[in-house]
C-alpha atoms as a PDB file:
ATOM      1  CA  UNK A   1      48.336 -96.098 169.551  1.00  0.00           C
ATOM      2  CA  UNK A   2      47.138 -99.081 171.630  1.00  0.00           C
ATOM      3  CA  UNK A   3      48.114 -99.580 174.803  1.00  0.00           C
ATOM      4  CA  UNK A   4      50.968-101.800 176.874  1.00  0.00           C
ATOM      5  CA  UNK A   5      50.513-104.651 179.230  1.00  0.00           C
ATOM      6  CA  UNK A   6      53.386-105.132 181.889  1.00  0.00           C
ATOM      7  CA  UNK A   7      53.285-108.357 183.382  1.00  0.00           C
ATOM      8  CA  UNK A   8      55.974-108.490 186.066  1.00  0.00           C
ATOM      9  CA  UNK A   9      56.837-111.891 186.723  1.00  0.00           C
ATOM     10  CA  UNK A  10      60.515-111.706 188.351  1.00  0.00           C
ATOM     11  CA  UNK A  11      59.608-112.686 191.606  1.00  0.00           C
ATOM     12  CA  UNK A  12      61.285-115.438 193.184  1.00  0.00           C
ATOM     13  CA  UNK A  13      58.153-117.333 194.422  1.00  0.00           C
ATOM     14  CA  UNK A  14      59.946-117.724 198.007  1.00  0.00           C
ATOM     15  CA  UNK A  15      56.853-118.298 199.735  1.00  0.00           C
ATOM     16  CA  UNK A  16      54.956-120.803 197.131  1.00  0.00           C
ATOM     17  CA  UNK A  17      58.528-122.025 196.509  1.00  0.00           C
ATOM     18  CA  UNK A  18      58.332-123.226 193.135  1.00  0.00           C
ATOM     19  CA  UNK A  19      58.351-121.109 189.782  1.00  0.00           C
ATOM     20  CA  UNK A  20      54.575-120.429 189.738  1.00  0.00           C
ATOM     21  CA  UNK A  21      54.664-118.225 187.027  1.00  0.00           C
ATOM     22  CA  UNK A  22      54.744-121.342 184.548  1.00  0.00           C
ATOM     23  CA  UNK A  23      52.777-123.843 186.462  1.00  0.00           C
ATOM     24  CA  UNK A  24      49.749-125.081 185.167  1.00  0.00           C
ATOM     25  CA  UNK A  25      46.000-124.191 186.159  1.00  0.00           C
ATOM     26  CA  UNK A  26      43.894-123.805 183.349  1.00  0.00           C
ATOM     27  CA  UNK A  27      42.209-127.512 181.425  1.00  0.00           C
ATOM     28  CA  UNK A  28      44.233-126.927 178.275  1.00  0.00           C
ATOM     29  CA  UNK A  29      47.463-126.284 180.531  1.00  0.00           C
ATOM     30  CA  UNK A  30      46.739-122.559 180.756  1.00  0.00           C
ATOM     31  CA  UNK A  31      48.724-120.464 183.540  1.00  0.00           C
ATOM     32  CA  UNK A  32      47.683-117.626 185.435  1.00  0.00           C
ATOM     33  CA  UNK A  33      49.267-115.279 183.243  1.00  0.00           C
ATOM     34  CA  UNK A  34      47.569-116.929 179.988  1.00  0.00           C
ATOM     35  CA  UNK A  35      44.189-115.615 181.112  1.00  0.00           C
ATOM     36  CA  UNK A  36      45.509-112.073 182.039  1.00  0.00           C
ATOM     37  CA  UNK A  37      47.364-111.933 178.087  1.00  0.00           C
ATOM     38  CA  UNK A  38      43.574-113.687 176.716  1.00  0.00           C
ATOM     39  CA  UNK A  39      41.626-110.808 178.430  1.00  0.00           C
ATOM     40  CA  UNK A  40      44.086-108.013 177.774  1.00  0.00           C
ATOM     41  CA  UNK A  41      44.099-109.088 173.699  1.00  0.00           C
ATOM     42  CA  UNK A  42      40.188-109.194 173.593  1.00  0.00           C
ATOM     43  CA  UNK A  43      40.322-105.952 175.590  1.00  0.00           C
ATOM     44  CA  UNK A  44      42.421-103.978 173.015  1.00  0.00           C
ATOM     45  CA  UNK A  45      45.863-104.212 174.218  1.00  0.00           C
ATOM     46  CA  UNK A  46      48.693-104.341 171.385  1.00  0.00           C
ATOM     47  CA  UNK A  47      51.679-105.499 172.998  1.00  0.00           C
ATOM     48  CA  UNK A  48      52.550-107.523 175.392  1.00  0.00           C
ATOM     49  CA  UNK A  49      56.003-106.726 177.575  1.00  0.00           C
ATOM     50  CA  UNK A  50      57.131-109.458 179.765  1.00  0.00           C
ATOM     51  CA  UNK A  51      59.158-108.676 182.583  1.00  0.00           C
ATOM     52  CA  UNK A  52      61.260-111.783 183.455  1.00  0.00           C
ATOM     53  CA  UNK A  53      64.787-112.748 185.414  1.00  0.00           C
ATOM     54  CA  UNK A  54      67.255-113.369 182.197  1.00  0.00           C
ATOM     55  CA  UNK A  55      67.669-117.261 183.532  1.00  0.00           C
ATOM     56  CA  UNK A  56      64.315-117.552 182.669  1.00  0.00           C
ATOM     57  CA  UNK A  57      64.209-116.107 179.517  1.00  0.00           C
ATOM     58  CA  UNK A  58      64.160-119.183 177.458  1.00  0.00           C
ATOM     59  CA  UNK A  59      61.533-120.824 179.356  1.00  0.00           C
ATOM     60  CA  UNK A  60      59.037-118.227 178.872  1.00  0.00           C
ATOM     61  CA  UNK A  61      59.820-118.056 175.335  1.00  0.00           C
ATOM     62  CA  UNK A  62      59.470-121.499 174.581  1.00  0.00           C
ATOM     63  CA  UNK A  63      56.071-121.466 176.730  1.00  0.00           C
ATOM     64  CA  UNK A  64      54.325-118.335 175.148  1.00  0.00           C
ATOM     65  CA  UNK A  65      55.925-117.646 172.018  1.00  0.00           C
ATOM     66  CA  UNK A  66      54.444-120.485 170.249  1.00  0.00           C
ATOM     67  CA  UNK A  67      51.137-119.402 171.439  1.00  0.00           C
ATOM     68  CA  UNK A  68      50.861-115.775 170.923  1.00  0.00           C
ATOM     69  CA  UNK A  69      52.807-115.429 167.416  1.00  0.00           C
ATOM     70  CA  UNK A  70      50.851-113.990 165.083  1.00  0.00           C
ATOM     71  CA  UNK A  71      48.197-112.627 168.058  1.00  0.00           C
ATOM     72  CA  UNK A  72      50.071-109.799 169.922  1.00  0.00           C
ATOM     73  CA  UNK A  73      53.160-108.814 169.698  1.00  0.00           C
ATOM     74  CA  UNK A  74      55.454-109.635 172.352  1.00  0.00           C
ATOM     75  CA  UNK A  75      58.883-108.619 174.156  1.00  0.00           C
ATOM     76  CA  UNK A  76      61.132-109.219 177.133  1.00  0.00           C
ATOM     77  CA  UNK A  77      63.241-107.222 179.704  1.00  0.00           C
ATOM     78  CA  UNK A  78      65.632-108.460 182.488  1.00  0.00           C
ATOM     79  CA  UNK A  79      65.405-106.772 186.066  1.00  0.00           C
ATOM     80  CA  UNK A  80      68.549-106.791 186.905  1.00  0.00           C
ATOM     81  CA  UNK A  81      70.027-105.540 190.662  1.00  0.00           C
ATOM     82  CA  UNK A  82      72.640-103.400 188.664  1.00  0.00           C
ATOM     83  CA  UNK A  83      69.817-101.341 186.359  1.00  0.00           C
ATOM     84  CA  UNK A  84      69.311 -97.968 187.472  1.00  0.00           C
ATOM     85  CA  UNK A  85      72.046 -97.810 190.166  1.00  0.00           C
ATOM     86  CA  UNK A  86      73.501 -94.713 188.191  1.00  0.00           C
ATOM     87  CA  UNK A  87      76.323 -94.076 190.498  1.00  0.00           C
ATOM     88  CA  UNK A  88      75.805 -96.343 193.741  1.00  0.00           C
ATOM     89  CA  UNK A  89      77.542 -99.747 193.695  1.00  0.00           C
ATOM     90  CA  UNK A  90      75.546-102.549 194.250  1.00  0.00           C
ATOM     91  CA  UNK A  91      76.352-103.539 198.093  1.00  0.00           C
ATOM     92  CA  UNK A  92      77.808-107.216 198.239  1.00  0.00           C
ATOM     93  CA  UNK A  93      75.448-109.958 199.448  1.00  0.00           C
ATOM     94  CA  UNK A  94      72.487-108.329 198.392  1.00  0.00           C
ATOM     95  CA  UNK A  95      70.275-110.486 196.245  1.00  0.00           C
ATOM     96  CA  UNK A  96      66.796-109.342 196.872  1.00  0.00           C
ATOM     97  CA  UNK A  97      65.153-107.862 193.815  1.00  0.00           C
ATOM     98  CA  UNK A  98      64.721-103.878 194.331  1.00  0.00           C
ATOM     99  CA  UNK A  99      61.146-104.306 194.036  1.00  0.00           C
ATOM    100  CA  UNK A 100      58.138-103.610 192.114  1.00  0.00           C
ATOM    101  CA  UNK A 101      58.533-100.093 190.751  1.00  0.00           C
ATOM    102  CA  UNK A 102      62.250-100.539 189.736  1.00  0.00           C
ATOM    103  CA  UNK A 103      60.688-103.619 187.941  1.00  0.00           C
ATOM    104  CA  UNK A 104      58.749-101.303 186.247  1.00  0.00           C
ATOM    105  CA  UNK A 105      61.420 -98.807 185.887  1.00  0.00           C
ATOM    106  CA  UNK A 106      63.137-101.517 183.934  1.00  0.00           C
ATOM    107  CA  UNK A 107      60.509-101.682 181.099  1.00  0.00           C
ATOM    108  CA  UNK A 108      61.660 -97.877 180.051  1.00  0.00           C
ATOM    109  CA  UNK A 109      63.461 -98.872 176.653  1.00  0.00           C
ATOM    110  CA  UNK A 110      60.529-101.110 175.999  1.00  0.00           C
ATOM    111  CA  UNK A 111      57.543 -99.082 176.621  1.00  0.00           C
ATOM    112  CA  UNK A 112      56.705 -95.547 174.574  1.00  0.00           C
ATOM    113  CA  UNK A 113      52.982 -95.583 175.049  1.00  0.00           C
ATOM    114  CA  UNK A 114      50.254 -95.556 178.345  1.00  0.00           C
ATOM    115  CA  UNK A 115      50.613 -99.121 179.913  1.00  0.00           C
ATOM    116  CA  UNK A 116      48.816-101.014 182.565  1.00  0.00           C
ATOM    117  CA  UNK A 117      50.919-103.038 184.773  1.00  0.00           C
ATOM    118  CA  UNK A 118      49.754-106.432 186.831  1.00  0.00           C
ATOM    119  CA  UNK A 119      51.258-109.423 188.679  1.00  0.00           C
ATOM    120  CA  UNK A 120      52.120-112.598 186.668  1.00  0.00           C
ATOM    121  CA  UNK A 121      50.570-114.813 189.265  1.00  0.00           C
ATOM    122  CA  UNK A 122      47.320-112.711 189.862  1.00  0.00           C
ATOM    123  CA  UNK A 123      44.120-113.576 188.036  1.00  0.00           C
ATOM    124  CA  UNK A 124      42.233-110.001 187.573  1.00  0.00           C
ATOM    125  CA  UNK A 125      39.188-110.897 185.708  1.00  0.00           C
ATOM    126  CA  UNK A 126      37.619-109.485 182.206  1.00  0.00           C
ATOM    127  CA  UNK A 127      36.300-106.476 183.459  1.00  0.00           C
ATOM    128  CA  UNK A 128      39.354-105.017 185.213  1.00  0.00           C
ATOM    129  CA  UNK A 129      40.888-105.271 181.386  1.00  0.00           C
ATOM    130  CA  UNK A 130      38.156-103.624 180.132  1.00  0.00           C
ATOM    131  CA  UNK A 131      38.256-100.667 182.413  1.00  0.00           C
ATOM    132  CA  UNK A 132      42.112-100.312 181.973  1.00  0.00           C
ATOM    133  CA  UNK A 133      41.542-100.321 178.463  1.00  0.00           C
ATOM    134  CA  UNK A 134      39.613 -97.819 178.167  1.00  0.00           C
ATOM    135  CA  UNK A 135      41.064 -95.477 181.070  1.00  0.00           C
ATOM    136  CA  UNK A 136      44.800 -95.652 178.832  1.00  0.00           C
ATOM    137  CA  UNK A 137      42.937 -95.159 175.510  1.00  0.00           C
ATOM    138  CA  UNK A 138      41.041 -92.132 176.604  1.00  0.00           C
ATOM    139  CA  UNK A 139      42.139 -90.317 179.983  1.00  0.00           C
ATOM    140  CA  UNK A 140      45.628 -91.609 180.420  1.00  0.00           C
ATOM    141  CA  UNK A 141      48.294 -88.483 180.444  1.00  0.00           C
ATOM    142  CA  UNK A 142      51.144 -87.208 182.318  1.00  0.00           C
ATOM    143  CA  UNK A 143      49.223 -86.008 184.962  1.00  0.00           C
ATOM    144  CA  UNK A 144      46.414 -88.659 185.313  1.00  0.00           C
ATOM    145  CA  UNK A 145      47.637 -92.557 186.161  1.00  0.00           C
ATOM    146  CA  UNK A 146      44.749 -95.047 187.942  1.00  0.00           C
ATOM    147  CA  UNK A 147      44.761 -97.919 189.952  1.00  0.00           C
ATOM    148  CA  UNK A 148      42.189-100.730 189.515  1.00  0.00           C
ATOM    149  CA  UNK A 149      40.645-100.925 193.017  1.00  0.00           C
ATOM    150  CA  UNK A 150      39.757-104.649 194.489  1.00  0.00           C
ATOM    151  CA  UNK A 151      37.320-104.855 197.338  1.00  0.00           C
ATOM    152  CA  UNK A 152      39.799-106.736 200.384  1.00  0.00           C
ATOM    153  CA  UNK A 153      37.487-109.238 201.541  1.00  0.00           C
ATOM    154  CA  UNK A 154      37.642-110.636 198.527  1.00  0.00           C
ATOM    155  CA  UNK A 155      41.248-110.947 198.183  1.00  0.00           C
ATOM    156  CA  UNK A 156      42.436-112.681 201.343  1.00  0.00           C
ATOM    157  CA  UNK A 157      44.046-116.544 201.718  1.00  0.00           C
ATOM    158  CA  UNK A 158      42.523-118.819 203.984  1.00  0.00           C
ATOM    159  CA  UNK A 159      45.931-120.352 204.169  1.00  0.00           C
ATOM    160  CA  UNK A 160      48.002-117.576 205.773  1.00  0.00           C
ATOM    161  CA  UNK A 161      48.775-113.635 205.802  1.00  0.00           C
ATOM    162  CA  UNK A 162      48.594-111.537 202.628  1.00  0.00           C
ATOM    163  CA  UNK A 163      49.923-107.862 202.543  1.00  0.00           C
ATOM    164  CA  UNK A 164      47.838-105.270 200.423  1.00  0.00           C
ATOM    165  CA  UNK A 165      48.601-101.620 199.482  1.00  0.00           C
ATOM    166  CA  UNK A 166      45.453-100.025 201.273  1.00  0.00           C
ATOM    167  CA  UNK A 167      43.855 -97.122 199.366  1.00  0.00           C
ATOM    168  CA  UNK A 168      42.275 -93.977 200.828  1.00  0.00           C
ATOM    169  CA  UNK A 169      39.956 -92.852 198.110  1.00  0.00           C
ATOM    170  CA  UNK A 170      38.160 -88.971 198.123  1.00  0.00           C
ATOM    171  CA  UNK A 171      34.666 -87.978 197.091  1.00  0.00           C
ATOM    172  CA  UNK A 172      36.270 -87.499 193.055  1.00  0.00           C
ATOM    173  CA  UNK A 173      37.638 -90.986 193.281  1.00  0.00           C
ATOM    174  CA  UNK A 174      41.389 -89.785 193.363  1.00  0.00           C
ATOM    175  CA  UNK A 175      43.513 -91.612 195.115  1.00  0.00           C
ATOM    176  CA  UNK A 176      45.053 -89.493 198.643  1.00  0.00           C
ATOM    177  CA  UNK A 177      47.228 -92.178 199.991  1.00  0.00           C
ATOM    178  CA  UNK A 178      47.941 -96.035 199.798  1.00  0.00           C
ATOM    179  CA  UNK A 179      49.687 -97.565 202.331  1.00  0.00           C
ATOM    180  CA  UNK A 180      51.325-101.284 202.082  1.00  0.00           C
ATOM    181  CA  UNK A 181      49.916-102.797 205.027  1.00  0.00           C
ATOM    182  CA  UNK A 182      51.556-106.443 205.787  1.00  0.00           C
ATOM    183  CA  UNK A 183      50.149-109.753 207.134  1.00  0.00           C
ATOM    184  CA  UNK A 184      46.804-109.027 206.848  1.00  0.00           C
ATOM    185  CA  UNK A 185      44.222-112.004 207.676  1.00  0.00           C
ATOM    186  CA  UNK A 186      40.219-112.934 208.831  1.00  0.00           C
ATOM    187  CA  UNK A 187      40.442-113.342 212.692  1.00  0.00           C
ATOM    188  CA  UNK A 188      36.848-113.538 214.716  1.00  0.00           C
ATOM    189  CA  UNK A 189      35.032-112.238 211.753  1.00  0.00           C
ATOM    190  CA  UNK A 190      37.340-108.882 211.653  1.00  0.00           C
ATOM    191  CA  UNK A 191      40.039-108.164 209.167  1.00  0.00           C
ATOM    192  CA  UNK A 192      42.886-107.496 211.365  1.00  0.00           C
ATOM    193  CA  UNK A 193      46.272-106.367 210.623  1.00  0.00           C
ATOM    194  CA  UNK A 194      49.366-107.339 212.509  1.00  0.00           C
ATOM    195  CA  UNK A 195      52.095-105.045 211.024  1.00  0.00           C
ATOM    196  CA  UNK A 196      52.697-102.572 214.205  1.00  0.00           C
ATOM    197  CA  UNK A 197      51.092 -99.645 212.454  1.00  0.00           C
ATOM    198  CA  UNK A 198      47.030 -98.044 212.552  1.00  0.00           C
ATOM    199  CA  UNK A 199      44.424 -98.846 212.149  1.00  0.00           C
ATOM    200  CA  UNK A 200      44.902-102.588 213.543  1.00  0.00           C
ATOM    201  CA  UNK A 201      41.167-103.719 211.863  1.00  0.00           C
ATOM    202  CA  UNK A 202      40.699-103.033 208.096  1.00  0.00           C
ATOM    203  CA  UNK A 203      37.040-102.051 207.011  1.00  0.00           C
ATOM    204  CA  UNK A 204      35.778-104.997 204.697  1.00  0.00           C
ATOM    205  CA  UNK A 205      35.196-102.602 201.436  1.00  0.00           C
ATOM    206  CA  UNK A 206      38.832-100.990 201.496  1.00  0.00           C
ATOM    207  CA  UNK A 207      39.624-100.732 198.431  1.00  0.00           C
ATOM    208  CA  UNK A 208      42.799-102.697 197.549  1.00  0.00           C
ATOM    209  CA  UNK A 209      46.147-102.455 195.013  1.00  0.00           C
ATOM    210  CA  UNK A 210      46.575-105.991 193.577  1.00  0.00           C
ATOM    211  CA  UNK A 211      49.082-104.438 191.365  1.00  0.00           C
ATOM    212  CA  UNK A 212      47.103-103.589 188.701  1.00  0.00           C
ATOM    213  CA  UNK A 213      48.093-100.257 187.531  1.00  0.00           C
ATOM    214  CA  UNK A 214      48.203 -97.116 184.349  1.00  0.00           C
ATOM    215  CA  UNK A 215      50.429 -95.385 183.442  1.00  0.00           C
ATOM    216  CA  UNK A 216      51.607 -92.652 181.126  1.00  0.00           C
ATOM    217  CA  UNK A 217      54.912 -93.387 179.862  1.00  0.00           C
ATOM    218  CA  UNK A 218      56.089 -89.939 181.963  1.00  0.00           C
ATOM    219  CA  UNK A 219      56.287 -91.951 185.080  1.00  0.00           C
ATOM    220  CA  UNK A 220      59.394 -93.617 183.974  1.00  0.00           C
ATOM    221  CA  UNK A 221      61.408 -90.567 184.440  1.00  0.00           C
ATOM    222  CA  UNK A 222      59.761 -89.717 187.602  1.00  0.00           C
ATOM    223  CA  UNK A 223      60.582 -93.043 189.035  1.00  0.00           C
ATOM    224  CA  UNK A 224      63.912 -92.737 188.232  1.00  0.00           C
ATOM    225  CA  UNK A 225      64.705 -89.786 190.083  1.00  0.00           C
ATOM    226  CA  UNK A 226      62.736 -91.267 192.979  1.00  0.00           C
ATOM    227  CA  UNK A 227      64.914 -94.402 192.955  1.00  0.00           C
ATOM    228  CA  UNK A 228      67.849 -92.478 193.278  1.00  0.00           C
ATOM    229  CA  UNK A 229      66.032 -90.769 196.656  1.00  0.00           C
ATOM    230  CA  UNK A 230      65.383 -94.424 197.678  1.00  0.00           C
ATOM    231  CA  UNK A 231      69.021 -95.457 197.296  1.00  0.00           C
ATOM    232  CA  UNK A 232      70.260 -92.925 199.449  1.00  0.00           C
ATOM    233  CA  UNK A 233      68.756 -93.864 202.230  1.00  0.00           C
ATOM    234  CA  UNK A 234      68.064 -97.803 202.174  1.00  0.00           C
ATOM    235  CA  UNK A 235      70.622 -98.960 199.501  1.00  0.00           C
ATOM    236  CA  UNK A 236      72.527-100.713 202.669  1.00  0.00           C
ATOM    237  CA  UNK A 237      69.116-102.741 203.774  1.00  0.00           C
ATOM    238  CA  UNK A 238      69.067-105.625 202.264  1.00  0.00           C
ATOM    239  CA  UNK A 239      65.481-106.306 202.346  1.00  0.00           C
ATOM    240  CA  UNK A 240      64.728-102.614 201.648  1.00  0.00           C
ATOM    241  CA  UNK A 241      62.037-102.332 198.244  1.00  0.00           C
ATOM    242  CA  UNK A 242      61.279 -99.682 195.654  1.00  0.00           C
ATOM    243  CA  UNK A 243      57.134-100.094 195.660  1.00  0.00           C
ATOM    244  CA  UNK A 244      54.835 -99.140 193.245  1.00  0.00           C
ATOM    245  CA  UNK A 245      53.179 -97.450 195.757  1.00  0.00           C
ATOM    246  CA  UNK A 246      56.409 -96.006 197.095  1.00  0.00           C
ATOM    247  CA  UNK A 247      55.915 -94.053 193.705  1.00  0.00           C
ATOM    248  CA  UNK A 248      52.045 -93.571 193.382  1.00  0.00           C
ATOM    249  CA  UNK A 249      52.065 -92.000 197.139  1.00  0.00           C
ATOM    250  CA  UNK A 250      54.780 -89.210 195.881  1.00  0.00           C
ATOM    251  CA  UNK A 251      53.346 -88.537 192.972  1.00  0.00           C
ATOM    252  CA  UNK A 252      50.271 -87.521 194.931  1.00  0.00           C
ATOM    253  CA  UNK A 253      51.413 -85.587 197.653  1.00  0.00           C
ATOM    254  CA  UNK A 254      54.506 -83.975 195.297  1.00  0.00           C
ATOM    255  CA  UNK A 255      51.400 -82.516 193.182  1.00  0.00           C
ATOM    256  CA  UNK A 256      52.422 -83.757 189.879  1.00  0.00           C
ATOM    257  CA  UNK A 257      48.769 -85.421 189.193  1.00  0.00           C
ATOM    258  CA  UNK A 258      46.136 -87.766 190.383  1.00  0.00           C
ATOM    259  CA  UNK A 259      45.869 -91.132 190.487  1.00  0.00           C
ATOM    260  CA  UNK A 260      42.272 -92.313 189.546  1.00  0.00           C
ATOM    261  CA  UNK A 261      40.773 -95.665 191.639  1.00  0.00           C
ATOM    262  CA  UNK A 262      38.555 -97.610 189.043  1.00  0.00           C
ATOM    263  CA  UNK A 263      36.741-100.029 191.052  1.00  0.00           C
ATOM    264  CA  UNK A 264      36.160-103.265 189.350  1.00  0.00           C
ATOM    265  CA  UNK A 265      33.168-106.130 189.777  1.00  0.00           C
ATOM    266  CA  UNK A 266      36.031-108.905 188.748  1.00  0.00           C
ATOM    267  CA  UNK A 267      36.721-111.498 190.887  1.00  0.00           C
ATOM    268  CA  UNK A 268      40.339-111.471 192.344  1.00  0.00           C
ATOM    269  CA  UNK A 269      42.148-114.649 192.741  1.00  0.00           C
ATOM    270  CA  UNK A 270      46.207-115.479 193.283  1.00  0.00           C
ATOM    271  CA  UNK A 271      48.046-117.627 194.377  1.00  0.00           C
ATOM    272  CA  UNK A 272      50.066-116.501 197.591  1.00  0.00           C
ATOM    273  CA  UNK A 273      50.377-119.933 199.300  1.00  0.00           C
ATOM    274  CA  UNK A 274      51.179-123.284 197.817  1.00  0.00           C
ATOM    275  CA  UNK A 275      47.751-124.442 199.709  1.00  0.00           C
ATOM    276  CA  UNK A 276      45.953-121.765 197.438  1.00  0.00           C
ATOM    277  CA  UNK A 277      46.644-123.483 194.035  1.00  0.00           C
ATOM    278  CA  UNK A 278      43.510-125.857 194.221  1.00  0.00           C
ATOM    279  CA  UNK A 279      41.065-123.543 195.240  1.00  0.00           C
ATOM    280  CA  UNK A 280      42.614-121.202 192.102  1.00  0.00           C
ATOM    281  CA  UNK A 281      42.406-124.205 189.465  1.00  0.00           C
ATOM    282  CA  UNK A 282      38.434-124.560 190.754  1.00  0.00           C
ATOM    283  CA  UNK A 283      37.635-121.172 190.236  1.00  0.00           C
ATOM    284  CA  UNK A 284      39.301-120.770 186.744  1.00  0.00           C
ATOM    285  CA  UNK A 285      37.451-124.015 185.974  1.00  0.00           C
ATOM    286  CA  UNK A 286      33.964-122.236 187.111  1.00  0.00           C
ATOM    287  CA  UNK A 287      34.556-119.601 184.680  1.00  0.00           C
ATOM    288  CA  UNK A 288      35.302-121.690 181.867  1.00  0.00           C
ATOM    289  CA  UNK A 289      32.471-124.070 182.742  1.00  0.00           C
ATOM    290  CA  UNK A 290      29.977-120.791 182.809  1.00  0.00           C
ATOM    291  CA  UNK A 291      31.619-119.725 179.135  1.00  0.00           C
ATOM    292  CA  UNK A 292      33.897-116.869 180.275  1.00  0.00           C
ATOM    293  CA  UNK A 293      36.896-118.539 179.348  1.00  0.00           C
ATOM    294  CA  UNK A 294      36.911-121.255 176.075  1.00  0.00           C
ATOM    295  CA  UNK A 295      38.648-124.614 177.720  1.00  0.00           C
ATOM    296  CA  UNK A 296      41.549-124.131 175.414  1.00  0.00           C
ATOM    297  CA  UNK A 297      42.532-120.362 175.599  1.00  0.00           C
ATOM    298  CA  UNK A 298      44.769-120.331 172.033  1.00  0.00           C
ATOM    299  CA  UNK A 299      43.738-123.600 169.861  1.00  0.00           C
END
């Protein structure tokens, strides 16, 4: 069975200020998602599942169905604040989505096979998809997940701070912990983290999560249990979020299994701030000029 790609595209794009998931970046009007889907298809993935907000569904389908029809199976699932509360009531005034791990959980009914998870607004590169496919087909199991690791230095923005899941890796290449570090930036030749946590300075070659994960479907039941624990402690915190690294960290520390860290040579680039967009367009066009992608992906 071919693996599935789950694309998390329900974000509000609050810092960017527009619906960046469907903005054009390629010479043929391609979105960043188009390049991820193209890389996934040529790596061997058999299905694309879009995790979106229901009010954007018509927009998404109008954009992606015409070009993907006949090339890959597609499905759409919605991140709803009331999904998987299971006995808890939605707090009055809660508008913020519950986070990336909840988003993955919302795809439970649509995904039955080993699958990868990515962000809609990050460019991951073909090497990353090839390695993810190989892992999902050959090594993924109920007790073996993986994460594609990127070098921290290559994931910073010149236009503001970024948040990254910083990975600690053992001698066998397994993740030992992942910590969400906030407000990371380059200052005076050092990568510094302004989030009141230690260490303040991070090594340039730290492996970080860009939210490219490879999971067995067993992650759904495990996440559902952890989400209940999360809600019991944080449901009344209006900005609390249930992140994938929370699930990954608990998976390791509960001794359920291992998470392989798979380094990639792919260049990552993404649009965190509106000011990042011109540089991303240039990077995409450079890859097209080098022949890594056709000038029109779907024609």
